[in-house]
Amino acid sequence: MAFETQADTIASAVTVTAGAADVTLPSATGIDTQLTQGGYIDITVTNGATGPTLPCDIGIQVAESTTDTWITVGDLLVADLGNDIVTRFKVNIPTEAQNVRLLVGGNTAQDVTISAAINSFKRA
C-alpha cells in the first residue's frame, strides 16, 4: 500500500502579540485530517531582537469534527527564551485525529513569530 505526503500550511510567519489572548492557528476550525493516516507538524518559533520575558507555549489540539470539543493532546510545547532565538518542534499527529489546530500564546513583553506546516499521509 503506497502513501503520499500532503502538506498544508498552518501558519506562515504569523506574529503572536506579547501579552495578548491565545491565538488559534490556522483558524478555529483547524485543518481537516479525516482522509489521512497520521503525520507530523513542523513548528518554528522565532523570538525578536529582545526575547520575551515568558516564553511562547503551543498546544496541539484535535477534534472529531470542526464543531466538536477541541482537546489538547500531549504536553504544551515551550519555546526557548533569548534574543533572536529560534526554537523548532516536530510533533506526531495521532492517526485518529480528524481535525488539528494549534493554540499559541503565553509570551510576554515581546512578540514572537510562528511558522508551522502539517504533513499528513494519504493513500496514493
N, C-alpha and C. Protein backbone atom coordinates (compact mmCIF):
# COMPACT_ATOMS: atom_id res chain seq x y z
N MET A 1 0.84 -1.16 0.00
CA MET A 1 0.00 0.00 0.00
C MET A 1 0.90 1.24 0.00
N ALA A 2 0.76 2.07 -1.01
CA ALA A 2 1.60 3.26 -1.14
C ALA A 2 0.92 4.46 -0.50
N PHE A 3 1.76 5.33 0.08
CA PHE A 3 1.26 6.57 0.69
C PHE A 3 1.97 7.75 0.04
N GLU A 4 1.29 8.87 0.03
CA GLU A 4 1.91 10.12 -0.41
C GLU A 4 1.73 11.14 0.71
N THR A 5 2.62 12.13 0.74
CA THR A 5 2.55 13.17 1.76
C THR A 5 1.75 14.35 1.25
N GLN A 6 0.87 14.83 2.09
CA GLN A 6 0.08 16.03 1.79
C GLN A 6 0.51 17.12 2.76
N ALA A 7 0.98 18.24 2.26
CA ALA A 7 1.44 19.34 3.12
C ALA A 7 0.41 20.46 3.13
N ASP A 8 0.12 20.97 4.32
CA ASP A 8 -0.79 22.10 4.50
C ASP A 8 -0.14 23.11 5.43
N THR A 9 -0.21 24.37 5.08
CA THR A 9 0.35 25.42 5.93
C THR A 9 -0.62 25.73 7.06
N ILE A 10 -0.10 25.75 8.27
CA ILE A 10 -0.89 26.15 9.43
C ILE A 10 -0.67 27.63 9.69
N ALA A 11 0.58 28.06 9.61
CA ALA A 11 0.92 29.46 9.85
C ALA A 11 2.18 29.80 9.08
N SER A 12 2.17 30.94 8.43
CA SER A 12 3.34 31.40 7.68
C SER A 12 3.76 32.75 8.23
N ALA A 13 4.75 32.73 9.13
CA ALA A 13 5.27 33.94 9.76
C ALA A 13 4.17 34.78 10.40
N VAL A 14 3.37 34.13 11.25
CA VAL A 14 2.29 34.82 11.97
C VAL A 14 2.86 35.40 13.26
N THR A 15 2.61 36.68 13.51
CA THR A 15 3.07 37.33 14.73
C THR A 15 2.07 37.08 15.85
N VAL A 16 2.59 36.58 16.97
CA VAL A 16 1.77 36.40 18.17
C VAL A 16 2.16 37.53 19.12
N THR A 17 1.23 38.44 19.35
CA THR A 17 1.48 39.65 20.12
C THR A 17 1.70 39.34 21.59
N ALA A 18 2.70 39.98 22.16
CA ALA A 18 3.03 39.78 23.57
C ALA A 18 1.86 40.13 24.46
N GLY A 19 1.54 39.24 25.40
CA GLY A 19 0.50 39.52 26.38
C GLY A 19 -0.92 39.43 25.87
N ALA A 20 -1.11 39.15 24.60
CA ALA A 20 -2.45 39.08 24.03
C ALA A 20 -3.09 37.72 24.35
N ALA A 21 -4.36 37.60 24.03
CA ALA A 21 -5.06 36.32 24.21
C ALA A 21 -4.42 35.27 23.31
N ASP A 22 -4.60 34.01 23.67
CA ASP A 22 -4.08 32.91 22.85
C ASP A 22 -4.63 32.99 21.43
N VAL A 23 -3.82 32.56 20.47
CA VAL A 23 -4.17 32.59 19.06
C VAL A 23 -4.39 31.16 18.58
N THR A 24 -5.48 30.94 17.83
CA THR A 24 -5.75 29.63 17.25
C THR A 24 -5.29 29.63 15.81
N LEU A 25 -4.42 28.68 15.46
CA LEU A 25 -3.87 28.60 14.10
C LEU A 25 -4.19 27.24 13.49
N PRO A 26 -4.58 27.15 12.23
CA PRO A 26 -4.73 28.26 11.29
C PRO A 26 -6.00 29.05 11.52
N SER A 27 -7.01 28.44 12.18
CA SER A 27 -8.27 29.12 12.47
C SER A 27 -8.99 28.28 13.50
N ALA A 28 -10.16 28.74 13.92
CA ALA A 28 -10.93 28.00 14.92
C ALA A 28 -11.34 26.62 14.43
N THR A 29 -11.45 26.44 13.10
CA THR A 29 -11.89 25.15 12.57
C THR A 29 -10.75 24.18 12.32
N GLY A 30 -9.51 24.62 12.38
CA GLY A 30 -8.37 23.74 12.21
C GLY A 30 -8.20 23.22 10.79
N ILE A 31 -7.42 22.14 10.66
CA ILE A 31 -7.17 21.51 9.36
C ILE A 31 -7.80 20.12 9.38
N ASP A 32 -8.55 19.82 8.35
CA ASP A 32 -9.24 18.54 8.22
C ASP A 32 -8.23 17.44 7.88
N THR A 33 -8.11 16.44 8.74
CA THR A 33 -7.20 15.32 8.51
C THR A 33 -7.96 13.99 8.45
N GLN A 34 -9.26 14.05 8.15
CA GLN A 34 -10.10 12.85 8.18
C GLN A 34 -9.67 11.80 7.16
N LEU A 35 -9.13 12.21 6.04
CA LEU A 35 -8.77 11.26 4.99
C LEU A 35 -7.30 10.88 5.03
N THR A 36 -6.63 11.19 6.13
CA THR A 36 -5.20 10.92 6.23
C THR A 36 -4.93 9.78 7.21
N GLN A 37 -3.70 9.32 7.20
CA GLN A 37 -3.27 8.24 8.08
C GLN A 37 -2.17 8.75 9.02
N GLY A 38 -2.45 9.81 9.77
CA GLY A 38 -1.46 10.38 10.67
C GLY A 38 -0.49 11.28 9.93
N GLY A 39 0.57 11.65 10.60
CA GLY A 39 1.58 12.53 10.01
C GLY A 39 2.32 13.27 11.11
N TYR A 40 2.78 14.47 10.79
CA TYR A 40 3.53 15.26 11.77
C TYR A 40 3.37 16.75 11.47
N ILE A 41 3.66 17.55 12.48
CA ILE A 41 3.62 19.01 12.35
C ILE A 41 5.02 19.54 12.62
N ASP A 42 5.52 20.38 11.71
CA ASP A 42 6.78 21.11 11.92
C ASP A 42 6.42 22.51 12.38
N ILE A 43 6.99 22.94 13.51
CA ILE A 43 6.70 24.26 14.09
C ILE A 43 8.01 24.99 14.33
N THR A 44 8.04 26.28 13.96
CA THR A 44 9.19 27.14 14.24
C THR A 44 8.70 28.38 14.98
N VAL A 45 9.34 28.66 16.11
CA VAL A 45 9.04 29.86 16.90
C VAL A 45 10.29 30.73 16.86
N THR A 46 10.12 31.99 16.44
CA THR A 46 11.25 32.92 16.36
C THR A 46 11.02 34.10 17.30
N ASN A 47 11.95 34.29 18.25
CA ASN A 47 11.89 35.44 19.14
C ASN A 47 12.46 36.65 18.42
N GLY A 48 12.04 37.82 18.84
CA GLY A 48 12.56 39.05 18.27
C GLY A 48 13.94 39.39 18.80
N ALA A 49 14.43 40.57 18.45
CA ALA A 49 15.77 41.01 18.85
C ALA A 49 15.92 41.08 20.36
N THR A 50 14.84 41.43 21.05
CA THR A 50 14.81 41.32 22.51
C THR A 50 13.77 40.26 22.83
N GLY A 51 14.20 39.13 23.31
CA GLY A 51 13.32 37.98 23.52
C GLY A 51 12.25 38.24 24.56
N PRO A 52 11.18 37.43 24.56
CA PRO A 52 10.11 37.59 25.55
C PRO A 52 10.59 37.24 26.96
N THR A 53 9.94 37.82 27.97
CA THR A 53 10.31 37.51 29.35
C THR A 53 9.69 36.19 29.80
N LEU A 54 8.57 35.83 29.24
CA LEU A 54 7.98 34.50 29.41
C LEU A 54 7.86 33.89 28.02
N PRO A 55 8.17 32.61 27.88
CA PRO A 55 8.20 32.02 26.54
C PRO A 55 6.81 31.75 25.97
N CYS A 56 6.78 31.60 24.69
CA CYS A 56 5.59 31.19 23.97
C CYS A 56 5.34 29.71 24.25
N ASP A 57 4.07 29.34 24.46
CA ASP A 57 3.75 27.92 24.57
C ASP A 57 2.73 27.55 23.49
N ILE A 58 2.78 26.29 23.08
CA ILE A 58 1.96 25.82 21.97
C ILE A 58 1.27 24.53 22.38
N GLY A 59 -0.05 24.50 22.20
CA GLY A 59 -0.81 23.30 22.44
C GLY A 59 -1.27 22.72 21.11
N ILE A 60 -1.14 21.40 20.95
CA ILE A 60 -1.65 20.72 19.76
C ILE A 60 -3.06 20.25 20.13
N GLN A 61 -4.05 20.69 19.38
CA GLN A 61 -5.42 20.33 19.68
C GLN A 61 -6.02 19.49 18.57
N VAL A 62 -6.84 18.51 18.96
CA VAL A 62 -7.52 17.65 17.99
C VAL A 62 -9.00 17.60 18.33
N ALA A 63 -9.80 17.28 17.30
CA ALA A 63 -11.25 17.13 17.48
C ALA A 63 -11.78 16.17 16.44
N GLU A 64 -12.94 15.58 16.72
CA GLU A 64 -13.56 14.66 15.77
C GLU A 64 -14.23 15.40 14.62
N SER A 65 -14.62 16.64 14.86
CA SER A 65 -15.20 17.46 13.79
C SER A 65 -14.91 18.92 14.11
N THR A 66 -15.14 19.81 13.15
CA THR A 66 -14.84 21.22 13.38
C THR A 66 -15.78 21.86 14.39
N THR A 67 -16.90 21.19 14.70
CA THR A 67 -17.85 21.74 15.68
C THR A 67 -17.78 21.00 17.01
N ASP A 68 -16.89 20.01 17.11
CA ASP A 68 -16.77 19.21 18.33
C ASP A 68 -15.86 19.91 19.33
N THR A 69 -15.76 19.35 20.51
CA THR A 69 -14.88 19.87 21.55
C THR A 69 -13.43 19.60 21.18
N TRP A 70 -12.60 20.64 21.27
CA TRP A 70 -11.17 20.50 20.98
C TRP A 70 -10.45 20.05 22.24
N ILE A 71 -9.53 19.09 22.08
CA ILE A 71 -8.78 18.52 23.19
C ILE A 71 -7.29 18.75 22.93
N THR A 72 -6.57 19.27 23.94
CA THR A 72 -5.12 19.41 23.82
C THR A 72 -4.49 18.06 24.11
N VAL A 73 -3.68 17.57 23.15
CA VAL A 73 -3.03 16.28 23.32
C VAL A 73 -1.56 16.48 23.66
N GLY A 74 -1.05 15.68 24.58
CA GLY A 74 0.35 15.79 24.96
C GLY A 74 0.61 17.01 25.82
N ASP A 75 1.88 17.22 26.10
CA ASP A 75 2.31 18.36 26.90
C ASP A 75 2.36 19.61 26.03
N LEU A 76 2.26 20.78 26.67
CA LEU A 76 2.47 22.03 25.95
C LEU A 76 3.92 22.09 25.49
N LEU A 77 4.13 22.60 24.29
CA LEU A 77 5.48 22.85 23.78
C LEU A 77 5.88 24.23 24.25
N VAL A 78 7.06 24.37 24.80
CA VAL A 78 7.51 25.66 25.33
C VAL A 78 8.76 26.09 24.59
N ALA A 79 8.69 27.27 23.96
CA ALA A 79 9.82 27.80 23.19
C ALA A 79 10.93 28.27 24.13
N ASP A 80 12.14 28.36 23.61
CA ASP A 80 13.28 28.85 24.38
C ASP A 80 13.20 30.36 24.56
N LEU A 81 13.82 30.85 25.63
CA LEU A 81 13.92 32.29 25.87
C LEU A 81 15.24 32.80 25.30
N GLY A 82 15.26 34.07 24.95
CA GLY A 82 16.50 34.68 24.50
C GLY A 82 16.28 35.54 23.28
N ASN A 83 17.25 36.39 23.02
CA ASN A 83 17.19 37.31 21.88
C ASN A 83 17.48 36.55 20.59
N ASP A 84 16.65 36.78 19.58
CA ASP A 84 16.83 36.18 18.25
C ASP A 84 16.96 34.65 18.28
N ILE A 85 16.32 34.02 19.23
CA ILE A 85 16.37 32.55 19.36
C ILE A 85 15.30 31.93 18.47
N VAL A 86 15.66 30.83 17.81
CA VAL A 86 14.71 30.07 17.01
C VAL A 86 14.56 28.69 17.66
N THR A 87 13.31 28.32 17.95
CA THR A 87 13.01 27.01 18.54
C THR A 87 12.20 26.22 17.53
N ARG A 88 12.59 24.96 17.31
CA ARG A 88 11.88 24.11 16.35
C ARG A 88 11.31 22.89 17.06
N PHE A 89 10.10 22.50 16.63
CA PHE A 89 9.44 21.31 17.16
C PHE A 89 8.96 20.46 15.99
N LYS A 90 8.94 19.15 16.19
CA LYS A 90 8.30 18.22 15.25
C LYS A 90 7.43 17.31 16.11
N VAL A 91 6.12 17.30 15.81
CA VAL A 91 5.17 16.58 16.64
C VAL A 91 4.36 15.61 15.78
N ASN A 92 4.26 14.37 16.24
CA ASN A 92 3.45 13.38 15.53
C ASN A 92 1.96 13.67 15.72
N ILE A 93 1.19 13.40 14.67
CA ILE A 93 -0.26 13.54 14.72
C ILE A 93 -0.85 12.15 14.89
N PRO A 94 -1.71 11.96 15.88
CA PRO A 94 -2.33 10.65 16.02
C PRO A 94 -3.17 10.29 14.79
N THR A 95 -3.14 9.04 14.41
CA THR A 95 -3.91 8.58 13.26
C THR A 95 -5.40 8.88 13.44
N GLU A 96 -5.87 8.82 14.68
CA GLU A 96 -7.29 9.03 14.96
C GLU A 96 -7.73 10.48 14.84
N ALA A 97 -6.80 11.42 14.82
CA ALA A 97 -7.14 12.84 14.77
C ALA A 97 -7.82 13.17 13.45
N GLN A 98 -8.99 13.79 13.53
CA GLN A 98 -9.73 14.12 12.31
C GLN A 98 -9.65 15.61 11.97
N ASN A 99 -9.33 16.42 12.96
CA ASN A 99 -9.10 17.85 12.76
C ASN A 99 -8.00 18.27 13.72
N VAL A 100 -7.09 19.12 13.24
CA VAL A 100 -5.93 19.51 14.04
C VAL A 100 -5.76 21.03 13.97
N ARG A 101 -5.37 21.63 15.09
CA ARG A 101 -5.03 23.06 15.12
C ARG A 101 -4.02 23.30 16.23
N LEU A 102 -3.45 24.49 16.25
CA LEU A 102 -2.52 24.91 17.29
C LEU A 102 -3.15 26.01 18.13
N LEU A 103 -2.86 26.02 19.42
CA LEU A 103 -3.26 27.11 20.31
C LEU A 103 -1.96 27.70 20.85
N VAL A 104 -1.70 28.96 20.53
CA VAL A 104 -0.40 29.59 20.79
C VAL A 104 -0.57 30.83 21.65
N GLY A 105 0.32 31.01 22.61
CA GLY A 105 0.28 32.23 23.43
C GLY A 105 1.22 32.13 24.61
N GLY A 106 0.99 32.98 25.61
CA GLY A 106 1.78 32.94 26.83
C GLY A 106 2.99 33.84 26.85
N ASN A 107 3.47 34.26 25.66
CA ASN A 107 4.67 35.11 25.64
C ASN A 107 4.34 36.51 26.14
N THR A 108 5.25 37.08 26.92
CA THR A 108 5.04 38.43 27.43
C THR A 108 6.24 39.31 27.08
N ALA A 109 6.00 40.59 27.02
CA ALA A 109 6.99 41.64 26.79
C ALA A 109 7.42 41.78 25.33
N GLN A 110 7.51 40.69 24.59
CA GLN A 110 7.92 40.78 23.18
C GLN A 110 7.08 39.82 22.32
N ASP A 111 6.81 40.25 21.09
CA ASP A 111 6.11 39.40 20.13
C ASP A 111 7.01 38.24 19.69
N VAL A 112 6.41 37.17 19.23
CA VAL A 112 7.13 36.07 18.61
C VAL A 112 6.47 35.77 17.26
N THR A 113 7.21 35.10 16.40
CA THR A 113 6.69 34.75 15.08
C THR A 113 6.59 33.23 14.98
N ILE A 114 5.46 32.76 14.49
CA ILE A 114 5.20 31.32 14.37
C ILE A 114 5.05 30.93 12.91
N SER A 115 5.74 29.87 12.53
CA SER A 115 5.53 29.23 11.23
C SER A 115 5.29 27.75 11.51
N ALA A 116 4.32 27.16 10.81
CA ALA A 116 4.02 25.75 11.04
C ALA A 116 3.38 25.14 9.81
N ALA A 117 3.67 23.87 9.59
CA ALA A 117 3.07 23.12 8.49
C ALA A 117 2.74 21.72 8.98
N ILE A 118 1.64 21.20 8.49
CA ILE A 118 1.24 19.84 8.80
C ILE A 118 1.52 18.96 7.59
N ASN A 119 2.17 17.85 7.81
CA ASN A 119 2.49 16.89 6.74
C ASN A 119 1.77 15.61 7.09
N SER A 120 0.73 15.28 6.35
CA SER A 120 -0.05 14.10 6.65
C SER A 120 0.09 13.08 5.52
N PHE A 121 -0.17 11.84 5.85
CA PHE A 121 -0.01 10.74 4.89
C PHE A 121 -1.36 10.30 4.37
N LYS A 122 -1.46 10.21 3.03
CA LYS A 122 -2.69 9.75 2.38
C LYS A 122 -2.37 8.55 1.52
N ARG A 123 -3.34 7.68 1.36
CA ARG A 123 -3.16 6.57 0.42
C ARG A 123 -3.08 7.10 -0.98
N ALA A 124 -2.11 6.59 -1.73
CA ALA A 124 -1.91 7.06 -3.10
C ALA A 124 -2.94 6.44 -4.04
